[in-house]
Amino acid sequence: MLAAVLASTTMMFAQGAKNIKINEVLTDNQTSLQDEFGNHLPWVELVNTSYSSYDVRGMFITTDRSVLNRSLSAPQRIARMSIIPNEEDRTRMSAREHLIVYLNSNPARGALHLKAPVAAGQPLWIALFDGNGIDLIDSVSVPALATDKSFARIKDGNLRWDVKPAEAATPGIGNYIEINETKIARLKRDDPHGFGITILSMGIVFFCLFLLYVFFTILGKVMAKRQKNKAALEKEKHWQKLSKPKAAPADKPREPSFEEYMVIIAMALKQYQDNTHDEESGIITIQPHRSRWHNEMNQGGTSMGSQQGGHSHPQIPTGRNI
């Protein structure tokens, strides 16, 4: 019975510990949060994601990745960790509450000062272990951060992380905060000296020039090939024209020369002066055309003449000159 109670109590505490999350980390603190003595120290923010209270006293925070070595015993792991002390009321976290713990510090400065080493501007691995020094509650790998920038979940307890600018760091409060910032202001903040925009602009210009170079190179090769093909075609047509046999020219009547014209005109004038021309008799000779109707008519006329008093028609002469 006692064992069952202890087991259920252990499970309940373990379940409560899982609700404690590393929520935000700042490794290079120059103008951000100050401790009780006015010092700017690296800090880590824990959040209780549940709707019940939980005390984190006795839990461990470490930045030494070697504690993941399974061959290490619990005391060996604990020796490489920093414990959250018991004598601090702030370690009892209410529902949805946040707790700031300072790192790279001296525990003698205060209950929430831990000696876990942090190198400014360097990547960092940080983990939260349960009080037994064995169970890993939460961990995160933090990239190298610029001054006063933090690495935080985009929302309390969310799985996604993002780098926040200095003015967007939220130590001790919820991470979901909207910042109204224009694109120009963001550009000035992210690139105060203009190096980034200069490199980007030059990159765009050189890229466009490269595209133009490629375009005109290809166009020049295409045009040169077309010109070469056109010249070859013209040359081939020229040789075909030369090799084609020429048609014999058609015979044209020869035009008389000037001397021949003069001779013809002189001969015509000579004949005119000599009154030389053809002699015409003025007599027209008519040759009759004889047919069988002509014969029948002659025979019929003779018969009829005999029957009508013996008179007959005279014969038509065979030819007559007029």
Protein backbone atom coordinates (compact mmCIF):
# COMPACT_ATOMS: atom_id res chain seq x y z
CA MET A 1 0.00 0.00 0.00
CA LEU A 2 2.79 2.42 0.97
CA ALA A 3 4.68 1.55 -2.21
CA ALA A 4 1.64 2.35 -4.31
CA VAL A 5 1.23 5.72 -2.61
CA LEU A 6 4.90 6.55 -3.13
CA ALA A 7 4.74 5.49 -6.77
CA SER A 8 1.64 7.59 -7.46
CA THR A 9 3.23 10.56 -5.69
CA THR A 10 6.40 10.18 -7.76
CA MET A 11 4.40 9.98 -11.00
CA MET A 12 2.41 13.07 -10.03
CA PHE A 13 5.58 15.06 -9.32
CA ALA A 14 7.17 13.80 -12.53
CA GLN A 15 4.11 14.84 -14.49
CA GLY A 16 4.23 18.28 -12.86
CA ALA A 17 7.92 18.69 -13.70
CA LYS A 18 7.20 18.04 -17.38
CA ASN A 19 5.06 21.21 -17.42
CA ILE A 20 8.15 23.33 -16.70
CA LYS A 21 9.72 24.47 -19.97
CA ILE A 22 12.73 26.49 -21.02
CA ASN A 23 10.99 29.43 -22.68
CA GLU A 24 13.63 32.04 -23.63
CA VAL A 25 17.43 32.37 -23.51
CA LEU A 26 19.71 35.42 -23.84
CA THR A 27 23.46 34.76 -23.98
CA ASP A 28 25.02 38.20 -24.64
CA ASN A 29 23.41 40.71 -22.28
CA GLN A 30 24.62 44.30 -22.68
CA THR A 31 21.53 46.45 -22.23
CA SER A 32 18.84 43.91 -21.38
CA LEU A 33 17.68 42.74 -17.94
CA GLN A 34 19.77 43.68 -14.84
CA ASP A 35 20.16 41.67 -11.66
CA GLU A 36 19.81 43.04 -8.13
CA PHE A 37 23.28 44.56 -8.34
CA GLY A 38 22.81 46.26 -11.69
CA ASN A 39 24.85 43.70 -13.61
CA HIS A 40 23.97 42.47 -17.10
CA LEU A 41 24.21 38.67 -16.99
CA PRO A 42 23.07 35.93 -19.39
CA TRP A 43 19.68 34.59 -18.35
CA VAL A 44 17.23 31.79 -19.02
CA GLU A 45 13.47 32.04 -18.58
CA LEU A 46 11.40 29.10 -17.30
CA VAL A 47 7.63 28.92 -17.71
CA ASN A 48 4.98 26.80 -15.99
CA THR A 49 2.71 25.75 -18.87
CA SER A 50 0.15 24.07 -16.59
CA TYR A 51 -2.77 25.60 -14.68
CA SER A 52 -1.44 24.41 -11.33
CA SER A 53 1.49 25.53 -9.17
CA TYR A 54 4.82 23.77 -9.14
CA ASP A 55 8.04 24.35 -7.16
CA VAL A 56 11.24 24.05 -9.21
CA ARG A 57 13.55 24.06 -6.20
CA GLY A 58 16.07 21.23 -6.29
CA MET A 59 15.92 20.99 -10.10
CA PHE A 60 19.13 21.34 -12.10
CA ILE A 61 20.21 23.59 -14.99
CA THR A 62 23.32 22.82 -17.01
CA THR A 63 25.12 24.00 -20.14
CA ASP A 64 27.49 21.01 -20.21
CA ARG A 65 26.42 18.56 -22.92
CA SER A 66 28.62 15.81 -21.46
CA VAL A 67 25.87 15.06 -18.92
CA LEU A 68 24.11 13.16 -21.69
CA ASN A 69 26.76 10.45 -21.41
CA ARG A 70 24.83 7.42 -20.16
CA SER A 71 27.94 5.97 -18.54
CA LEU A 72 27.96 8.78 -15.97
CA SER A 73 26.42 8.10 -12.62
CA ALA A 74 23.89 10.45 -11.04
CA PRO A 75 26.46 12.08 -8.71
CA GLN A 76 28.81 12.60 -11.64
CA ARG A 77 26.05 14.33 -13.61
CA ILE A 78 24.99 16.45 -10.66
CA ALA A 79 28.59 17.63 -10.23
CA ARG A 80 28.36 19.17 -13.72
CA MET A 81 25.05 20.89 -13.05
CA SER A 82 23.83 23.94 -11.15
CA ILE A 83 21.04 23.39 -8.65
CA ILE A 84 18.13 25.78 -8.14
CA PRO A 85 18.32 26.46 -4.38
CA ASN A 86 15.56 25.75 -1.87
CA GLU A 87 15.65 28.99 0.10
CA GLU A 88 13.81 31.10 -2.45
CA ASP A 89 10.07 31.69 -2.49
CA ARG A 90 10.11 32.63 -6.15
CA THR A 91 10.90 29.04 -7.10
CA ARG A 92 7.27 28.15 -6.44
CA MET A 93 5.75 28.92 -9.82
CA SER A 94 2.04 29.55 -10.13
CA ALA A 95 0.02 28.59 -13.20
CA ARG A 96 1.39 30.18 -16.41
CA GLU A 97 4.06 32.00 -14.39
CA HIS A 98 7.61 32.85 -15.59
CA LEU A 99 10.89 32.67 -13.66
CA ILE A 100 14.23 34.29 -14.60
CA VAL A 101 17.43 32.51 -13.63
CA TYR A 102 20.83 34.19 -14.16
CA LEU A 103 23.71 32.16 -15.65
CA ASN A 104 27.48 32.50 -15.66
CA SER A 105 27.23 34.02 -12.18
CA ASN A 106 28.14 33.33 -8.57
CA PRO A 107 25.50 31.58 -6.44
CA ALA A 108 26.63 33.80 -3.56
CA ARG A 109 24.99 36.79 -5.30
CA GLY A 110 21.53 35.37 -4.86
CA ALA A 111 19.32 32.31 -4.91
CA LEU A 112 18.60 32.64 -8.64
CA HIS A 113 22.26 33.05 -9.64
CA LEU A 114 23.79 29.89 -11.11
CA LYS A 115 27.36 29.21 -12.16
CA ALA A 116 26.43 27.45 -15.44
CA PRO A 117 29.00 28.86 -17.90
CA VAL A 118 27.89 30.80 -21.00
CA ALA A 119 30.15 32.18 -23.77
CA ALA A 120 28.76 35.36 -25.30
CA GLY A 121 28.19 35.18 -29.04
CA GLN A 122 28.70 31.40 -29.14
CA PRO A 123 26.20 28.56 -29.68
CA LEU A 124 24.85 27.14 -26.44
CA TRP A 125 23.16 23.96 -25.29
CA ILE A 126 21.12 24.31 -22.11
CA ALA A 127 19.06 21.69 -20.29
CA LEU A 128 16.71 21.38 -17.32
CA PHE A 129 16.95 18.15 -15.25
CA ASP A 130 14.68 16.88 -12.55
CA GLY A 131 15.82 16.78 -8.91
CA ASN A 132 17.20 13.23 -9.27
CA GLY A 133 19.78 14.46 -11.78
CA ILE A 134 18.73 11.74 -14.26
CA ASP A 135 15.43 12.70 -15.90
CA LEU A 136 15.80 15.30 -18.64
CA ILE A 137 12.82 17.69 -18.44
CA ASP A 138 13.66 20.05 -21.31
CA SER A 139 16.61 21.18 -23.44
CA VAL A 140 17.34 23.48 -26.36
CA SER A 141 20.27 24.23 -28.68
CA VAL A 142 20.68 28.00 -28.93
CA PRO A 143 22.41 29.43 -32.02
CA ALA A 144 25.08 32.13 -31.78
CA LEU A 145 23.22 35.31 -30.85
CA ALA A 146 24.14 38.93 -31.41
CA THR A 147 24.17 41.39 -28.54
CA ASP A 148 20.85 41.58 -26.62
CA LYS A 149 19.07 39.24 -29.02
CA SER A 150 17.23 36.30 -27.48
CA PHE A 151 16.20 32.85 -28.64
CA ALA A 152 12.61 32.20 -27.65
CA ARG A 153 9.58 30.12 -28.37
CA ILE A 154 7.17 31.97 -30.64
CA LYS A 155 4.57 31.45 -27.92
CA ASP A 156 4.81 30.15 -24.35
CA GLY A 157 5.37 26.38 -24.48
CA ASN A 158 5.23 26.25 -28.32
CA LEU A 159 7.55 23.86 -30.14
CA ARG A 160 8.79 26.51 -32.57
CA TRP A 161 11.67 28.82 -31.68
CA ASP A 162 12.84 32.07 -33.23
CA VAL A 163 15.54 34.71 -32.77
CA LYS A 164 14.10 37.91 -31.35
CA PRO A 165 15.60 41.37 -31.75
CA ALA A 166 16.68 43.27 -28.64
CA GLU A 167 13.46 45.28 -28.42
CA ALA A 168 11.38 42.11 -28.70
CA ALA A 169 12.99 40.20 -25.81
CA THR A 170 10.40 39.41 -23.13
CA PRO A 171 12.07 38.35 -19.87
CA GLY A 172 9.50 37.45 -17.21
CA ILE A 173 6.41 37.81 -19.44
CA GLY A 174 4.68 35.90 -22.23
CA ASN A 175 6.54 35.56 -25.50
CA TYR A 176 3.55 36.29 -27.73
CA ILE A 177 3.88 40.03 -28.23
CA GLU A 178 3.13 41.77 -31.50
CA ILE A 179 5.46 44.58 -32.46
CA ASN A 180 4.25 47.18 -34.93
CA GLU A 181 7.31 47.87 -37.02
CA THR A 182 7.56 49.17 -40.56
CA LYS A 183 9.71 47.43 -43.15
CA ILE A 184 12.04 50.43 -43.28
CA ALA A 185 12.49 50.38 -39.50
CA ARG A 186 13.13 46.63 -39.57
CA LEU A 187 15.67 47.11 -42.36
CA LYS A 188 17.46 49.83 -40.39
CA ARG A 189 17.50 47.64 -37.34
CA ASP A 190 18.77 44.52 -39.10
CA ASP A 191 21.19 46.34 -41.41
CA PRO A 192 22.19 49.62 -39.75
CA HIS A 193 25.26 50.17 -41.98
CA GLY A 194 23.60 49.19 -45.24
CA PHE A 195 26.01 46.38 -46.06
CA GLY A 196 23.25 43.84 -46.59
CA ILE A 197 21.16 46.00 -48.93
CA THR A 198 24.31 46.95 -50.87
CA ILE A 199 25.30 43.33 -51.40
CA LEU A 200 21.74 42.44 -52.35
CA SER A 201 21.51 45.31 -54.87
CA MET A 202 24.86 44.49 -56.43
CA GLY A 203 23.89 40.84 -56.62
CA ILE A 204 20.67 41.72 -58.47
CA VAL A 205 22.57 43.99 -60.90
CA PHE A 206 25.23 41.37 -61.68
CA PHE A 207 22.59 38.69 -62.05
CA CYS A 208 20.68 40.81 -64.57
CA LEU A 209 23.91 41.54 -66.47
CA PHE A 210 24.66 37.83 -66.54
CA LEU A 211 21.21 37.11 -67.96
CA LEU A 212 21.72 39.78 -70.64
CA TYR A 213 25.12 38.31 -71.51
CA VAL A 214 23.64 34.83 -71.89
CA PHE A 215 20.71 36.17 -73.95
CA PHE A 216 22.82 38.17 -76.40
CA THR A 217 25.41 35.38 -76.69
CA ILE A 218 22.75 32.89 -77.70
CA LEU A 219 21.07 35.45 -79.98
CA GLY A 220 24.38 36.23 -81.70
CA LYS A 221 25.07 32.55 -82.34
CA VAL A 222 21.57 32.03 -83.76
CA MET A 223 21.85 35.06 -86.05
CA ALA A 224 25.34 34.03 -87.22
CA LYS A 225 24.07 30.56 -88.05
CA ARG A 226 21.11 31.98 -89.98
CA GLN A 227 23.41 34.32 -91.91
CA LYS A 228 25.74 31.45 -92.72
CA ASN A 229 22.85 29.31 -93.95
CA LYS A 230 21.55 32.21 -96.06
CA ALA A 231 24.98 32.77 -97.64
CA ALA A 232 25.29 29.07 -98.42
CA LEU A 233 21.83 29.08 -100.04
CA GLU A 234 22.66 32.13 -102.15
CA LYS A 235 25.93 30.52 -103.26
CA GLU A 236 24.13 27.33 -104.22
CA LYS A 237 21.56 29.28 -106.28
CA HIS A 238 24.38 31.15 -108.00
CA TRP A 239 26.17 27.94 -109.00
CA GLN A 240 22.91 26.40 -110.19
CA LYS A 241 22.31 29.45 -112.35
CA LEU A 242 25.79 29.22 -113.85
CA SER A 243 25.53 25.50 -114.53
CA LYS A 244 22.12 25.78 -116.25
CA PRO A 245 22.44 25.68 -120.11
CA LYS A 246 21.45 28.88 -121.85
CA ALA A 247 18.59 28.76 -124.37
CA ALA A 248 19.54 29.57 -127.97
CA PRO A 249 18.32 33.01 -128.91
CA ALA A 250 15.36 33.04 -131.35
CA ASP A 251 16.05 34.20 -134.95
CA LYS A 252 14.96 37.78 -135.39
CA PRO A 253 14.35 39.42 -138.75
CA ARG A 254 17.29 41.52 -139.72
CA GLU A 255 16.63 45.21 -139.99
CA PRO A 256 17.79 46.79 -143.31
CA SER A 257 20.72 49.10 -143.01
CA PHE A 258 20.68 52.75 -143.89
CA GLU A 259 22.41 52.12 -147.21
CA GLU A 260 19.80 49.47 -148.15
CA TYR A 261 16.99 51.92 -147.34
CA MET A 262 18.61 54.48 -149.62
CA VAL A 263 18.92 51.97 -152.47
CA ILE A 264 15.24 50.94 -152.19
CA ILE A 265 14.09 54.55 -152.18
CA ALA A 266 16.29 55.35 -155.21
CA MET A 267 14.90 52.42 -157.18
CA ALA A 268 11.33 53.47 -156.37
CA LEU A 269 12.05 57.02 -157.54
CA LYS A 270 13.65 55.70 -160.73
CA GLN A 271 10.61 53.60 -161.60
CA TYR A 272 8.34 56.57 -160.92
CA GLN A 273 10.38 58.82 -163.21
CA ASP A 274 10.43 56.21 -166.01
CA ASN A 275 6.64 55.70 -165.70
CA THR A 276 7.22 52.01 -165.35
CA HIS A 277 4.12 50.00 -164.32
CA ASP A 278 1.99 46.98 -165.39
CA GLU A 279 -0.07 47.31 -168.66
CA GLU A 280 -3.78 46.59 -168.11
CA SER A 281 -6.23 45.83 -171.07
CA GLY A 282 -9.34 46.97 -169.26
CA ILE A 283 -11.16 43.81 -170.41
CA ILE A 284 -12.79 41.55 -167.86
CA THR A 285 -13.17 37.94 -168.89
CA ILE A 286 -16.07 36.04 -167.34
CA GLN A 287 -15.85 32.27 -167.40
CA PRO A 288 -19.28 30.57 -166.97
CA HIS A 289 -19.70 27.73 -164.58
CA ARG A 290 -21.40 24.79 -166.13
CA SER A 291 -23.51 22.24 -164.19
CA ARG A 292 -26.04 19.55 -164.91
CA TRP A 293 -28.84 22.06 -164.24
CA HIS A 294 -27.50 24.13 -167.08
CA ASN A 295 -27.64 21.10 -169.42
CA GLU A 296 -31.16 20.18 -168.38
CA MET A 297 -32.30 23.73 -168.89
CA ASN A 298 -30.87 23.75 -172.44
CA GLN A 299 -32.51 20.46 -173.30
CA GLY A 300 -35.86 21.53 -171.88
CA GLY A 301 -35.71 24.81 -173.78
CA THR A 302 -35.18 23.04 -177.04
CA SER A 303 -38.12 20.75 -176.53
CA MET A 304 -40.38 23.51 -175.48
CA GLY A 305 -39.29 25.56 -178.48
CA SER A 306 -40.17 22.79 -180.80
CA GLN A 307 -43.57 22.41 -179.29
CA GLN A 308 -44.33 26.17 -179.36
CA GLY A 309 -44.00 26.98 -183.05
CA GLY A 310 -40.50 25.83 -183.51
CA HIS A 311 -39.00 28.83 -181.75
CA SER A 312 -36.03 28.22 -179.55
CA HIS A 313 -33.98 30.33 -177.18
CA PRO A 314 -30.55 31.33 -178.26
CA GLN A 315 -27.57 29.46 -176.79
CA ILE A 316 -25.55 31.14 -174.04
CA PRO A 317 -22.00 31.55 -175.16
CA THR A 318 -19.35 29.62 -173.33
CA GLY A 319 -17.18 32.66 -172.77
CA ARG A 320 -17.43 36.36 -173.33
CA ASN A 321 -15.27 39.39 -173.15
CA ILE A 322 -16.74 42.58 -171.88
